[in-house]
C-alpha cells in the first residue's frame, strides 16, 4: 500500500474528500518525521513505535574494485511493532 492508496482507503471509510484525507495523512507523516528528527520516540498504541538510532562508522568494501572504504556514521529511523500487531501478523 502506498500513500495514495492509504488516502483513498481513509477517504472511502470516513466518507470524506480525498483532499481532506490527504491533508490528514500528510500531517500525521510530517508530525512523525518532525518528532524523529528532534530525537523523540513516537509510540502509537496498538501499532508500534518509531525511534531514531545512530549507525556507527564502519569499514566497507567497494564490490567493483575491492578497495576498502570508510562508511560514515548516520542516523536512521527504526520501527518496532506492538504485541497486538505481531499477533495479528502471525495468525
N, C-alpha and C. Protein backbone atom coordinates (compact mmCIF):
# COMPACT_ATOMS: atom_id res chain seq x y z
N UNK A 1 0.85 -1.17 0.00
CA UNK A 1 0.00 0.00 0.00
C UNK A 1 0.90 1.23 0.00
N UNK A 2 0.60 2.16 -0.88
CA UNK A 2 1.35 3.42 -0.90
C UNK A 2 0.48 4.54 -0.34
N UNK A 3 0.99 5.75 -0.32
CA UNK A 3 0.28 6.87 0.29
C UNK A 3 -1.04 7.14 -0.41
N UNK A 4 -1.05 7.07 -1.74
CA UNK A 4 -2.29 7.32 -2.49
C UNK A 4 -3.36 6.31 -2.13
N UNK A 5 -2.98 5.05 -2.03
CA UNK A 5 -3.94 4.01 -1.66
C UNK A 5 -4.43 4.20 -0.23
N UNK A 6 -3.55 4.62 0.66
CA UNK A 6 -3.93 4.90 2.04
C UNK A 6 -4.94 6.03 2.09
N UNK A 7 -4.69 7.10 1.34
CA UNK A 7 -5.61 8.23 1.29
C UNK A 7 -6.97 7.79 0.75
N UNK A 8 -6.98 6.99 -0.31
CA UNK A 8 -8.24 6.51 -0.88
C UNK A 8 -9.02 5.66 0.12
N UNK A 9 -8.31 4.79 0.86
CA UNK A 9 -8.96 3.95 1.84
C UNK A 9 -9.58 4.78 2.96
N UNK A 10 -8.83 5.73 3.47
CA UNK A 10 -9.35 6.59 4.54
C UNK A 10 -10.52 7.41 4.04
N UNK A 11 -10.40 7.94 2.84
CA UNK A 11 -11.47 8.73 2.24
C UNK A 11 -12.76 7.92 2.12
N UNK A 12 -12.65 6.69 1.64
CA UNK A 12 -13.83 5.84 1.47
C UNK A 12 -14.42 5.42 2.82
N UNK A 13 -13.57 5.06 3.78
CA UNK A 13 -14.07 4.59 5.07
C UNK A 13 -14.69 5.69 5.91
N UNK A 14 -14.21 6.91 5.75
CA UNK A 14 -14.69 8.02 6.58
C UNK A 14 -15.63 8.97 5.84
N UNK A 15 -15.98 8.63 4.61
CA UNK A 15 -16.87 9.48 3.80
C UNK A 15 -16.40 10.93 3.75
N UNK A 16 -15.15 11.11 3.39
CA UNK A 16 -14.59 12.46 3.28
C UNK A 16 -13.93 12.63 1.93
N UNK A 17 -13.66 13.87 1.57
CA UNK A 17 -12.99 14.16 0.31
C UNK A 17 -11.56 13.64 0.36
N UNK A 18 -11.05 13.23 -0.81
CA UNK A 18 -9.68 12.73 -0.88
C UNK A 18 -8.68 13.81 -0.47
N UNK A 19 -8.97 15.06 -0.81
CA UNK A 19 -8.07 16.16 -0.46
C UNK A 19 -7.96 16.29 1.06
N UNK A 20 -9.10 16.16 1.76
CA UNK A 20 -9.07 16.25 3.23
C UNK A 20 -8.31 15.07 3.83
N UNK A 21 -8.54 13.88 3.30
CA UNK A 21 -7.83 12.69 3.79
C UNK A 21 -6.34 12.82 3.53
N UNK A 22 -5.97 13.37 2.36
CA UNK A 22 -4.56 13.56 2.03
C UNK A 22 -3.91 14.55 3.00
N UNK A 23 -4.63 15.61 3.36
CA UNK A 23 -4.10 16.59 4.32
C UNK A 23 -3.86 15.94 5.68
N UNK A 24 -4.77 15.07 6.10
CA UNK A 24 -4.62 14.40 7.39
C UNK A 24 -3.43 13.44 7.36
N UNK A 25 -3.34 12.62 6.32
CA UNK A 25 -2.23 11.67 6.21
C UNK A 25 -0.90 12.41 6.17
N UNK A 26 -0.83 13.48 5.40
CA UNK A 26 0.40 14.27 5.31
C UNK A 26 0.76 14.88 6.66
N UNK A 27 -0.24 15.36 7.39
CA UNK A 27 0.01 15.96 8.70
C UNK A 27 0.55 14.92 9.68
N UNK A 28 0.01 13.70 9.63
CA UNK A 28 0.48 12.63 10.52
C UNK A 28 1.93 12.28 10.19
N UNK A 29 2.22 12.09 8.90
CA UNK A 29 3.58 11.75 8.49
C UNK A 29 4.56 12.87 8.85
N UNK A 30 4.16 14.12 8.66
CA UNK A 30 5.02 15.25 8.99
C UNK A 30 5.30 15.31 10.50
N UNK A 31 4.27 15.04 11.30
CA UNK A 31 4.44 15.07 12.76
C UNK A 31 5.40 13.96 13.22
N UNK A 32 5.26 12.77 12.63
CA UNK A 32 6.16 11.68 12.98
C UNK A 32 7.59 12.01 12.56
N UNK A 33 7.76 12.52 11.36
CA UNK A 33 9.10 12.87 10.87
C UNK A 33 9.73 13.96 11.72
N UNK A 34 8.95 14.97 12.11
CA UNK A 34 9.46 16.06 12.94
C UNK A 34 9.91 15.54 14.30
N UNK A 35 9.09 14.68 14.91
CA UNK A 35 9.44 14.13 16.22
C UNK A 35 10.71 13.29 16.12
N UNK A 36 10.83 12.48 15.08
CA UNK A 36 12.03 11.66 14.92
C UNK A 36 13.26 12.52 14.68
N UNK A 37 13.12 13.59 13.90
CA UNK A 37 14.28 14.45 13.64
C UNK A 37 14.71 15.20 14.90
N UNK A 38 13.77 15.39 15.83
CA UNK A 38 14.09 16.03 17.11
C UNK A 38 14.62 15.02 18.14
N UNK A 39 14.74 13.75 17.74
CA UNK A 39 15.27 12.73 18.63
C UNK A 39 14.24 12.11 19.55
N UNK A 40 12.96 12.36 19.32
CA UNK A 40 11.91 11.80 20.16
C UNK A 40 11.49 10.42 19.66
N UNK A 41 10.95 9.63 20.57
CA UNK A 41 10.38 8.34 20.22
C UNK A 41 8.89 8.53 20.00
N UNK A 42 8.34 7.92 18.95
CA UNK A 42 6.92 8.04 18.63
C UNK A 42 6.27 6.69 18.90
N UNK A 43 5.35 6.65 19.85
CA UNK A 43 4.67 5.41 20.20
C UNK A 43 3.19 5.53 19.82
N UNK A 44 2.71 4.58 19.02
CA UNK A 44 1.31 4.55 18.63
C UNK A 44 0.72 3.27 19.23
N UNK A 45 -0.12 3.44 20.23
CA UNK A 45 -0.67 2.32 20.98
C UNK A 45 -1.38 1.34 20.05
N UNK A 46 -1.06 0.06 20.19
CA UNK A 46 -1.68 -0.98 19.39
C UNK A 46 -1.07 -1.16 18.02
N UNK A 47 -0.12 -0.29 17.65
CA UNK A 47 0.51 -0.38 16.33
C UNK A 47 2.01 -0.62 16.45
N UNK A 48 2.70 0.26 17.15
CA UNK A 48 4.14 0.11 17.31
C UNK A 48 4.81 1.42 17.65
N UNK A 49 6.13 1.42 17.58
CA UNK A 49 6.88 2.65 17.91
C UNK A 49 7.99 2.87 16.89
N UNK A 50 8.25 4.15 16.65
CA UNK A 50 9.32 4.59 15.78
C UNK A 50 10.35 5.29 16.64
N UNK A 51 11.62 5.08 16.33
CA UNK A 51 12.66 5.84 17.02
C UNK A 51 13.88 5.99 16.11
N UNK A 52 14.71 6.96 16.45
CA UNK A 52 15.91 7.23 15.69
C UNK A 52 17.08 6.51 16.34
N UNK A 53 17.87 5.83 15.52
CA UNK A 53 19.07 5.17 16.02
C UNK A 53 20.26 5.64 15.20
N UNK A 54 21.43 5.60 15.81
CA UNK A 54 22.65 6.01 15.14
C UNK A 54 23.41 4.76 14.73
N UNK A 55 23.74 4.68 13.46
CA UNK A 55 24.57 3.59 12.96
C UNK A 55 26.00 4.09 12.98
N UNK A 56 26.87 3.38 13.62
CA UNK A 56 28.25 3.81 13.78
C UNK A 56 29.05 3.75 12.49
N UNK A 57 30.15 4.46 12.51
CA UNK A 57 31.07 4.44 11.37
C UNK A 57 31.65 3.05 11.22
N UNK A 58 31.84 2.60 9.99
CA UNK A 58 32.39 1.27 9.76
C UNK A 58 33.15 1.22 8.45
N UNK A 59 33.90 0.17 8.30
CA UNK A 59 34.64 -0.03 7.06
C UNK A 59 33.82 -0.93 6.14
N UNK A 60 33.79 -0.57 4.86
CA UNK A 60 33.10 -1.36 3.86
C UNK A 60 34.04 -1.66 2.71
N UNK A 61 33.52 -2.27 1.69
CA UNK A 61 34.36 -2.63 0.55
C UNK A 61 33.60 -2.31 -0.74
N UNK A 62 34.28 -1.64 -1.67
CA UNK A 62 33.74 -1.38 -2.99
C UNK A 62 33.72 -2.71 -3.74
N UNK A 63 32.53 -3.20 -4.15
CA UNK A 63 32.48 -4.53 -4.78
C UNK A 63 33.16 -4.59 -6.15
N UNK A 64 33.31 -3.45 -6.81
CA UNK A 64 33.94 -3.47 -8.13
C UNK A 64 35.46 -3.48 -8.04
N UNK A 65 36.00 -2.65 -7.14
CA UNK A 65 37.46 -2.53 -7.05
C UNK A 65 38.06 -3.29 -5.87
N UNK A 66 37.21 -3.79 -4.99
CA UNK A 66 37.63 -4.48 -3.76
C UNK A 66 38.39 -3.57 -2.80
N UNK A 67 38.35 -2.28 -3.06
CA UNK A 67 39.03 -1.30 -2.22
C UNK A 67 38.21 -1.06 -0.95
N UNK A 68 38.89 -0.96 0.19
CA UNK A 68 38.20 -0.66 1.44
C UNK A 68 37.84 0.81 1.48
N UNK A 69 36.63 1.10 1.97
CA UNK A 69 36.17 2.48 2.10
C UNK A 69 35.58 2.67 3.49
N UNK A 70 35.61 3.89 3.96
CA UNK A 70 35.04 4.21 5.25
C UNK A 70 33.61 4.67 5.03
N UNK A 71 32.66 4.03 5.72
CA UNK A 71 31.25 4.42 5.66
C UNK A 71 30.98 5.25 6.90
N UNK A 72 30.58 6.49 6.70
CA UNK A 72 30.37 7.42 7.81
C UNK A 72 29.18 7.01 8.66
N UNK A 73 29.19 7.46 9.92
CA UNK A 73 28.07 7.23 10.83
C UNK A 73 26.85 7.99 10.31
N UNK A 74 25.66 7.45 10.57
CA UNK A 74 24.44 8.13 10.13
C UNK A 74 23.27 7.74 11.04
N UNK A 75 22.22 8.54 11.00
CA UNK A 75 21.01 8.27 11.76
C UNK A 75 19.99 7.62 10.85
N UNK A 76 19.19 6.73 11.42
CA UNK A 76 18.11 6.11 10.65
C UNK A 76 16.91 5.90 11.56
N UNK A 77 15.75 5.77 10.96
CA UNK A 77 14.52 5.53 11.70
C UNK A 77 14.28 4.02 11.77
N UNK A 78 13.86 3.54 12.94
CA UNK A 78 13.54 2.14 13.09
C UNK A 78 12.11 2.00 13.59
N UNK A 79 11.50 0.87 13.30
CA UNK A 79 10.12 0.61 13.72
C UNK A 79 10.09 -0.69 14.49
N UNK A 80 9.40 -0.69 15.63
CA UNK A 80 9.19 -1.89 16.42
C UNK A 80 7.69 -2.12 16.54
N UNK A 81 7.17 -3.23 15.99
CA UNK A 81 5.73 -3.46 16.06
C UNK A 81 5.28 -3.77 17.48
N UNK A 82 4.02 -3.43 17.77
CA UNK A 82 3.46 -3.73 19.09
C UNK A 82 3.12 -5.21 19.18
N UNK A 83 2.84 -5.65 20.38
CA UNK A 83 2.47 -7.05 20.60
C UNK A 83 1.19 -7.38 19.82
N UNK A 84 0.23 -6.44 19.79
CA UNK A 84 -1.02 -6.65 19.06
C UNK A 84 -0.77 -6.83 17.57
N UNK A 85 0.09 -6.00 17.00
CA UNK A 85 0.40 -6.08 15.57
C UNK A 85 1.12 -7.39 15.25
N UNK A 86 2.06 -7.78 16.11
CA UNK A 86 2.77 -9.04 15.90
C UNK A 86 1.81 -10.22 15.89
N UNK A 87 0.88 -10.24 16.84
CA UNK A 87 -0.07 -11.36 16.91
C UNK A 87 -1.00 -11.35 15.71
N UNK A 88 -1.39 -10.18 15.22
CA UNK A 88 -2.25 -10.07 14.03
C UNK A 88 -1.54 -10.61 12.80
N UNK A 89 -0.24 -10.31 12.68
CA UNK A 89 0.53 -10.77 11.54
C UNK A 89 0.77 -12.28 11.57
N UNK A 90 0.81 -12.86 12.75
CA UNK A 90 1.14 -14.28 12.88
C UNK A 90 -0.07 -15.18 13.07
N UNK A 91 -1.24 -14.73 12.68
CA UNK A 91 -2.45 -15.56 12.79
C UNK A 91 -2.51 -16.57 11.69
